[in-house]
Amino acid sequence: MGILPGRKKKALVIGGGAPNSTLIAGALAAFLAEGIEFDVISASGAGVLMGLLYTAPRDVGPREALMKWAEVGVADSIYKLFPVNYKVFKKPGAQAESYRESMLAQMQQLPGLGAHAFTDMFTRHFADASAKWNDWMHLLMSALSPSDLHSGSLGLCAHLPFLEQSIDFTAVPAMRPEFYINAYNIDRHRMQIWSKDQITPAHVRASLSFPFLYAPTEIDGEHYIEGAALDTLNFTPFIAGEDGSPAPAGDVDTLVVLDILGEDRLIRKPRNLYDAWVRSIITPLVKISKAEQRLFELEHNTDAATGKPRRQVLKVDLMEGVPESHWPQVLDWSSSNMQLLFDVGYRAGVAFCREHGDVLDPERATALAA
């Protein structure tokens, strides 16, 4: 569908961050429920995966794909004993990959149990008790998995082995909104932006290759790490080039920002050594995200002649509904936390759509007013 002449264009900026990315998944599900569409989507880090589940999921609809992302958390009874998401962060190496393929083939042969019962991150057909059993089986298979991880390895985990099972990459170039993702080229020392016509699984893995967790991703002989490690919000498509070249999405009138990192309450005393490691990653990103938004507003979204904003920037307050008592757990990969955050994000998204309906969907707002 083309852009109607004279119609104002809306863009969605989806920031990085995990595991509280279910806040974003919930907000995106709310946009779907409210019928809100965007002309441009710009994403970084975990926001890339959320944006693709929103626009190009495989085998299921966008709403179902986003809802199922909240189900990749680990059952609370297991997470209390072993606070690692072994369902998302897989062991690296050729041996581990062969093991996963072998287990997948064996599970497909079990009577009454397809492979999805144990290996598909995005499918849960069981009751709560069976879901916990499913998570125990995941843990057992992960523990038994071989790996070639050693002191010379460049990352702890395999690069999202479930990616092609969750995203329909054949649909990405043809999807309605323009779509931009970022990754940092460590050979050329510059940020790289890819559009939907360029995006392949390798580009998505590059955009999610957070240092230490994942080895840099190689594309055409050059190496990339996660763009959100440096630019947590991908504002680049809305900024003119230093050489005077126009911004790829410079004709956008409204930017809607989904940010889950620029929140000071994420910086707090850790509960244990693992939590301290997680917060060592998050703490600098909080300040980077806040600084990025200020810089964009002051230097790139303010008309030097008039001092007025070039476009409207609206931020969804994704974390307002997080209970104060829950903040110590907000970065957990536990099932209860991920589901709670999805619900909080969904409510925030609905409230945002109702508050800004005149901007997000002017025709609908006019019809309701009449």
Protein backbone atom coordinates (compact mmCIF):
# COMPACT_ATOMS: atom_id res chain seq x y z
CA MET A 1 0.00 0.00 0.00
CA GLY A 2 1.45 3.36 -0.99
CA ILE A 3 1.42 6.55 1.06
CA LEU A 4 -1.52 8.76 0.22
CA PRO A 5 -0.52 12.23 -1.02
CA GLY A 6 -0.61 14.76 1.80
CA ARG A 7 -1.10 12.15 4.52
CA LYS A 8 1.13 12.51 7.53
CA LYS A 9 3.66 9.73 7.97
CA LYS A 10 4.29 7.97 11.26
CA ALA A 11 7.41 6.10 12.34
CA LEU A 12 8.07 3.67 15.15
CA VAL A 13 11.48 3.53 16.86
CA ILE A 14 11.98 0.26 18.76
CA GLY A 15 14.93 0.26 21.13
CA GLY A 16 17.16 -2.53 22.34
CA GLY A 17 17.05 -4.40 25.62
CA ALA A 18 16.28 -7.88 26.95
CA PRO A 19 14.68 -9.70 28.72
CA ASN A 20 12.30 -6.84 29.49
CA SER A 21 11.60 -6.79 25.75
CA THR A 22 8.20 -8.27 26.56
CA LEU A 23 7.23 -4.72 27.50
CA ILE A 24 7.74 -3.88 23.83
CA ALA A 25 5.96 -7.04 22.67
CA GLY A 26 2.94 -6.07 24.75
CA ALA A 27 2.86 -2.53 23.39
CA LEU A 28 3.11 -3.80 19.80
CA ALA A 29 0.23 -6.22 20.47
CA ALA A 30 -1.77 -3.22 21.72
CA PHE A 31 -1.02 -1.29 18.51
CA LEU A 32 -2.37 -4.25 16.54
CA ALA A 33 -5.50 -4.39 18.69
CA GLU A 34 -6.05 -0.65 18.27
CA GLY A 35 -5.50 -0.76 14.52
CA ILE A 36 -2.49 1.56 14.57
CA GLU A 37 -0.11 1.26 11.62
CA PHE A 38 3.25 2.84 10.87
CA ASP A 39 4.94 3.87 7.64
CA VAL A 40 8.48 3.40 8.93
CA ILE A 41 9.97 1.16 11.62
CA SER A 42 13.53 1.65 12.86
CA ALA A 43 14.87 -0.91 15.32
CA SER A 44 18.00 -1.84 17.21
CA GLY A 45 19.07 -4.79 19.35
CA ALA A 46 16.22 -6.90 20.72
CA GLY A 47 13.88 -4.35 19.14
CA VAL A 48 14.83 -5.83 15.76
CA LEU A 49 13.39 -9.20 16.74
CA MET A 50 10.29 -7.58 18.27
CA GLY A 51 9.76 -5.51 15.13
CA LEU A 52 10.03 -8.55 12.86
CA LEU A 53 7.61 -10.57 15.00
CA TYR A 54 5.28 -7.58 14.61
CA THR A 55 5.63 -7.34 10.84
CA ALA A 56 6.82 -10.69 9.41
CA PRO A 57 6.20 -13.64 11.76
CA ARG A 58 6.38 -17.16 10.40
CA ASP A 59 3.41 -19.57 10.51
CA VAL A 60 1.38 -17.45 12.97
CA GLY A 61 -0.18 -13.98 13.02
CA PRO A 62 1.70 -10.99 14.49
CA ARG A 63 -0.40 -10.85 17.67
CA GLU A 64 0.15 -14.54 18.41
CA ALA A 65 3.87 -14.27 17.67
CA LEU A 66 4.23 -11.35 20.10
CA MET A 67 2.20 -13.11 22.79
CA LYS A 68 4.30 -16.25 22.44
CA TRP A 69 7.51 -14.27 22.91
CA ALA A 70 6.36 -13.80 26.53
CA GLU A 71 6.46 -17.61 26.81
CA VAL A 72 10.20 -18.01 26.25
CA GLY A 73 10.78 -17.36 29.94
CA VAL A 74 11.87 -20.17 32.24
CA ALA A 75 9.42 -21.65 34.75
CA ASP A 76 9.83 -19.85 38.07
CA SER A 77 10.52 -23.06 40.01
CA ILE A 78 13.54 -23.71 37.75
CA TYR A 79 14.68 -20.11 37.44
CA LYS A 80 15.01 -19.80 41.22
CA LEU A 81 17.52 -22.65 41.16
CA PHE A 82 19.22 -21.82 37.84
CA PRO A 83 18.67 -18.18 36.79
CA VAL A 84 19.75 -18.54 33.14
CA ASN A 85 17.52 -18.67 30.06
CA TYR A 86 18.90 -21.84 28.50
CA LYS A 87 15.92 -21.81 26.09
CA VAL A 88 17.20 -18.65 24.36
CA PHE A 89 20.94 -18.71 25.02
CA LYS A 90 22.13 -21.95 23.42
CA LYS A 91 25.61 -23.48 23.55
CA PRO A 92 27.78 -22.53 20.57
CA GLY A 93 29.69 -24.67 18.12
CA ALA A 94 29.25 -27.23 15.37
CA GLN A 95 28.82 -30.08 17.87
CA ALA A 96 26.00 -28.25 19.66
CA GLU A 97 24.31 -27.45 16.35
CA SER A 98 24.47 -31.10 15.24
CA TYR A 99 23.11 -32.16 18.63
CA ARG A 100 20.13 -29.79 18.33
CA GLU A 101 19.35 -31.04 14.83
CA SER A 102 19.57 -34.65 16.01
CA MET A 103 17.29 -34.00 19.00
CA LEU A 104 14.82 -32.23 16.73
CA ALA A 105 14.69 -35.24 14.38
CA GLN A 106 14.19 -37.64 17.28
CA MET A 107 11.41 -35.58 18.85
CA GLN A 108 9.58 -35.56 15.53
CA GLN A 109 9.41 -39.36 15.71
CA LEU A 110 7.78 -39.48 19.14
CA PRO A 111 4.12 -40.57 18.89
CA GLY A 112 1.78 -37.71 19.67
CA LEU A 113 4.63 -35.26 20.22
CA GLY A 114 5.92 -33.09 17.44
CA ALA A 115 9.27 -31.38 17.70
CA HIS A 116 7.50 -28.21 18.76
CA ALA A 117 6.59 -29.80 22.06
CA PHE A 118 10.19 -29.46 23.23
CA THR A 119 12.14 -27.23 20.87
CA ASP A 120 9.94 -24.49 19.43
CA MET A 121 10.39 -21.37 21.53
CA PHE A 122 7.13 -19.92 20.31
CA THR A 123 4.67 -22.79 20.93
CA ARG A 124 3.08 -23.91 24.16
CA HIS A 125 0.08 -26.24 23.91
CA PHE A 126 0.30 -27.56 27.46
CA ALA A 127 -1.26 -26.69 30.79
CA ASP A 128 0.92 -25.08 33.48
CA ALA A 129 2.20 -28.40 34.85
CA SER A 130 3.13 -29.64 31.39
CA ALA A 131 4.80 -26.32 30.62
CA LYS A 132 7.05 -26.77 33.64
CA TRP A 133 7.85 -30.32 32.48
CA ASN A 134 8.65 -28.86 29.08
CA ASP A 135 11.10 -26.43 30.69
CA TRP A 136 12.74 -29.25 32.67
CA MET A 137 13.19 -31.15 29.40
CA HIS A 138 14.76 -28.05 27.83
CA LEU A 139 17.16 -27.85 30.78
CA LEU A 140 18.09 -31.53 30.50
CA MET A 141 18.74 -31.28 26.76
CA SER A 142 20.75 -28.09 27.21
CA ALA A 143 22.85 -29.66 29.96
CA LEU A 144 23.60 -32.71 27.81
CA SER A 145 24.46 -30.64 24.74
CA PRO A 146 28.12 -30.77 23.71
CA SER A 147 29.94 -27.56 22.86
CA ASP A 148 33.30 -26.42 21.55
CA LEU A 149 33.33 -23.36 23.86
CA HIS A 150 36.90 -22.66 25.05
CA SER A 151 39.07 -19.80 26.23
CA GLY A 152 39.68 -18.71 22.65
CA SER A 153 35.96 -18.46 21.80
CA LEU A 154 34.60 -15.02 20.89
CA GLY A 155 31.19 -15.44 22.50
CA LEU A 156 29.34 -17.57 25.03
CA CYS A 157 26.26 -18.46 22.97
CA ALA A 158 25.07 -19.64 19.58
CA HIS A 159 23.56 -16.96 17.35
CA LEU A 160 19.75 -17.35 17.76
CA PRO A 161 19.35 -20.86 16.30
CA PHE A 162 15.54 -20.43 16.30
CA LEU A 163 15.52 -17.25 14.20
CA GLU A 164 14.45 -18.77 10.86
CA GLN A 165 11.68 -20.71 12.63
CA SER A 166 10.12 -17.51 13.96
CA ILE A 167 10.59 -14.94 11.16
CA ASP A 168 9.41 -15.23 7.55
CA PHE A 169 12.35 -13.61 5.78
CA THR A 170 10.71 -14.02 2.37
CA ALA A 171 8.00 -11.59 3.54
CA VAL A 172 10.36 -8.90 4.86
CA PRO A 173 11.07 -7.05 1.56
CA ALA A 174 7.36 -6.90 0.69
CA MET A 175 5.98 -5.84 4.07
CA ARG A 176 4.16 -2.53 4.21
CA PRO A 177 6.35 -0.33 6.40
CA GLU A 178 9.89 0.64 5.58
CA PHE A 179 12.13 -1.19 8.03
CA TYR A 180 15.63 -0.26 9.16
CA ILE A 181 18.02 -2.07 11.51
CA ASN A 182 21.52 -1.23 12.70
CA ALA A 183 24.76 -3.03 13.52
CA TYR A 184 28.25 -1.72 14.20
CA ASN A 185 31.00 -2.60 11.73
CA ILE A 186 34.07 -3.18 13.94
CA ASP A 187 36.42 -3.34 10.94
CA ARG A 188 35.41 0.06 9.54
CA HIS A 189 34.43 1.52 12.94
CA ARG A 190 31.08 2.84 11.82
CA MET A 191 27.41 2.12 12.28
CA GLN A 192 25.75 0.26 9.42
CA ILE A 193 22.07 0.68 8.56
CA TRP A 194 20.23 -1.95 6.51
CA SER A 195 16.79 -1.55 4.93
CA LYS A 196 14.16 -4.24 4.51
CA ASP A 197 15.40 -5.03 0.99
CA GLN A 198 18.78 -6.00 2.45
CA ILE A 199 17.76 -7.87 5.60
CA THR A 200 18.63 -11.58 5.81
CA PRO A 201 19.02 -13.83 8.87
CA ALA A 202 22.71 -12.92 8.93
CA HIS A 203 21.90 -9.21 9.17
CA VAL A 204 19.50 -9.82 12.05
CA ARG A 205 22.09 -11.93 13.85
CA ALA A 206 24.60 -9.12 13.32
CA SER A 207 22.17 -6.63 14.83
CA LEU A 208 21.86 -8.88 17.90
CA SER A 209 25.53 -9.84 18.36
CA PHE A 210 26.04 -8.28 21.77
CA PRO A 211 29.73 -8.54 22.75
CA PHE A 212 30.71 -11.47 24.98
CA LEU A 213 27.28 -13.08 24.68
CA TYR A 214 27.72 -13.62 20.93
CA ALA A 215 30.72 -13.66 18.66
CA PRO A 216 30.79 -10.89 16.03
CA THR A 217 28.79 -11.82 12.94
CA GLU A 218 30.70 -11.95 9.66
CA ILE A 219 29.01 -10.59 6.52
CA ASP A 220 30.95 -10.29 3.25
CA GLY A 221 34.25 -10.59 5.09
CA GLU A 222 33.50 -7.85 7.62
CA HIS A 223 32.51 -8.22 11.27
CA TYR A 224 29.58 -6.69 13.14
CA ILE A 225 28.37 -6.38 16.70
CA GLU A 226 24.97 -5.31 18.03
CA GLY A 227 24.14 -1.74 17.10
CA ALA A 228 22.23 -1.24 20.36
CA ALA A 229 25.47 -1.70 22.30
CA LEU A 230 26.36 1.79 21.04
CA ASP A 231 23.12 3.29 19.68
CA THR A 232 20.30 1.90 21.78
CA LEU A 233 17.77 3.78 19.65
CA ASN A 234 18.20 3.77 15.89
CA PHE A 235 17.45 7.40 15.03
CA THR A 236 19.87 7.39 12.07
CA PRO A 237 17.20 6.90 9.33
CA PHE A 238 15.68 10.23 10.39
CA ILE A 239 18.97 12.17 10.31
CA ALA A 240 20.50 13.78 7.22
CA GLY A 241 24.02 12.63 6.33
CA GLU A 242 27.08 14.67 7.21
CA ASP A 243 27.67 15.06 3.48
CA GLY A 244 24.28 16.72 3.10
CA SER A 245 22.52 13.61 1.81
CA PRO A 246 18.85 13.42 2.79
CA ALA A 247 17.69 11.19 5.61
CA PRO A 248 16.24 7.88 4.35
CA ALA A 249 13.05 8.55 6.33
CA GLY A 250 13.26 12.31 6.57
CA ASP A 251 9.65 12.92 5.54
CA VAL A 252 8.17 11.45 8.72
CA ASP A 253 5.92 13.77 10.76
CA THR A 254 5.59 11.75 13.98
CA LEU A 255 7.99 9.45 15.79
CA VAL A 256 6.70 6.99 18.38
CA VAL A 257 9.47 5.67 20.64
CA LEU A 258 9.46 2.33 22.47
CA ASP A 259 12.41 2.48 24.87
CA ILE A 260 13.05 0.05 27.73
CA LEU A 261 16.56 1.11 28.65
CA GLY A 262 16.37 4.83 29.44
CA GLU A 263 15.03 4.31 32.96
CA ASP A 264 17.10 5.14 36.05
CA ARG A 265 15.26 2.57 38.15
CA LEU A 266 17.10 -0.15 36.21
CA ILE A 267 20.25 0.95 38.06
CA ARG A 268 20.04 -0.63 41.49
CA LYS A 269 21.79 -2.88 43.98
CA PRO A 270 22.13 -6.41 42.53
CA ARG A 271 20.57 -9.39 44.31
CA ASN A 272 23.37 -11.85 43.54
CA LEU A 273 26.46 -12.31 41.37
CA TYR A 274 24.50 -13.20 38.23
CA ASP A 275 22.25 -10.16 38.69
CA ALA A 276 25.36 -8.02 39.15
CA TRP A 277 26.67 -9.22 35.78
CA VAL A 278 23.34 -8.45 34.08
CA ARG A 279 23.27 -4.96 35.59
CA SER A 280 26.87 -4.35 34.54
CA ILE A 281 25.55 -4.60 30.97
CA ILE A 282 22.39 -2.57 31.55
CA THR A 283 23.81 0.32 33.63
CA PRO A 284 25.81 2.08 30.87
CA LEU A 285 23.00 1.46 28.37
CA VAL A 286 20.58 3.39 30.59
CA LYS A 287 22.66 6.53 30.30
CA ILE A 288 23.41 5.96 26.61
CA SER A 289 19.71 5.72 25.85
CA LYS A 290 18.84 8.89 27.78
CA ALA A 291 21.70 10.79 26.13
CA GLU A 292 20.72 9.57 22.66
CA GLN A 293 17.19 10.88 23.01
CA ARG A 294 18.39 14.28 24.25
CA LEU A 295 20.95 14.54 21.43
CA PHE A 296 18.39 13.66 18.77
CA GLU A 297 15.88 16.18 20.09
CA LEU A 298 18.39 19.03 20.41
CA GLU A 299 20.65 18.54 17.39
CA HIS A 300 18.61 16.65 14.82
CA ASN A 301 14.97 17.38 15.52
CA THR A 302 15.13 21.10 16.22
CA ASP A 303 14.98 23.63 13.40
CA ALA A 304 17.96 25.95 13.85
CA ALA A 305 16.09 28.92 12.38
CA THR A 306 12.86 28.67 14.36
CA GLY A 307 13.87 26.60 17.37
CA LYS A 308 10.80 24.44 16.84
CA PRO A 309 10.73 20.63 16.50
CA ARG A 310 10.89 19.31 12.95
CA ARG A 311 8.56 16.48 13.87
CA GLN A 312 6.55 15.33 16.85
CA VAL A 313 8.25 12.78 19.09
CA LEU A 314 6.01 10.71 21.39
CA LYS A 315 7.37 8.22 23.90
CA VAL A 316 5.29 5.37 25.26
CA ASP A 317 5.73 5.15 29.03
CA LEU A 318 6.24 1.40 29.05
CA MET A 319 7.35 1.08 32.66
CA GLU A 320 4.80 3.23 34.45
CA GLY A 321 2.70 0.20 35.31
CA VAL A 322 5.51 -1.92 36.77
CA PRO A 323 4.71 -2.45 40.48
CA GLU A 324 7.32 -0.81 42.72
CA SER A 325 7.90 -4.09 44.56
CA HIS A 326 8.67 -5.85 41.27
CA TRP A 327 11.57 -3.66 40.12
CA PRO A 328 14.30 -5.95 41.53
CA GLN A 329 12.99 -8.76 39.26
CA VAL A 330 12.35 -6.69 36.14
CA LEU A 331 15.41 -8.07 34.30
CA ASP A 332 14.70 -11.73 35.11
CA TRP A 333 14.08 -14.31 32.39
CA SER A 334 11.44 -15.99 34.59
CA SER A 335 8.06 -16.85 33.10
CA SER A 336 6.19 -14.75 35.66
CA ASN A 337 8.30 -11.64 34.99
CA MET A 338 8.06 -11.89 31.21
CA GLN A 339 4.29 -12.35 31.33
CA LEU A 340 3.84 -9.52 33.84
CA LEU A 341 5.86 -7.16 31.65
CA PHE A 342 3.90 -8.16 28.55
CA ASP A 343 0.67 -7.24 30.33
CA VAL A 344 2.17 -3.95 31.56
CA GLY A 345 3.37 -3.13 28.04
CA TYR A 346 -0.01 -3.99 26.56
CA ARG A 347 -1.86 -1.70 28.96
CA ALA A 348 0.65 1.08 28.31
CA GLY A 349 0.21 0.65 24.56
CA VAL A 350 -3.58 0.81 24.77
CA ALA A 351 -3.46 3.89 27.00
CA PHE A 352 -1.02 5.56 24.60
CA CYS A 353 -3.24 4.85 21.59
CA ARG A 354 -6.28 6.28 23.36
CA GLU A 355 -4.40 9.40 24.48
CA HIS A 356 -2.83 10.13 21.09
CA GLY A 357 -5.51 8.76 18.78
CA ASP A 358 -5.83 12.10 17.01
CA VAL A 359 -2.19 11.82 15.91
CA LEU A 360 -1.90 8.07 15.40
CA ASP A 361 -5.18 7.63 13.51
CA PRO A 362 -6.71 11.01 12.64
CA GLU A 363 -9.47 9.57 10.44
CA ARG A 364 -10.66 7.24 13.18
CA ALA A 365 -10.49 10.00 15.79
CA THR A 366 -12.58 12.28 13.57
CA ALA A 367 -15.15 9.54 13.01
CA LEU A 368 -15.44 8.85 16.74
CA ALA A 369 -15.81 12.55 17.50
CA ALA A 370 -18.64 12.81 14.94
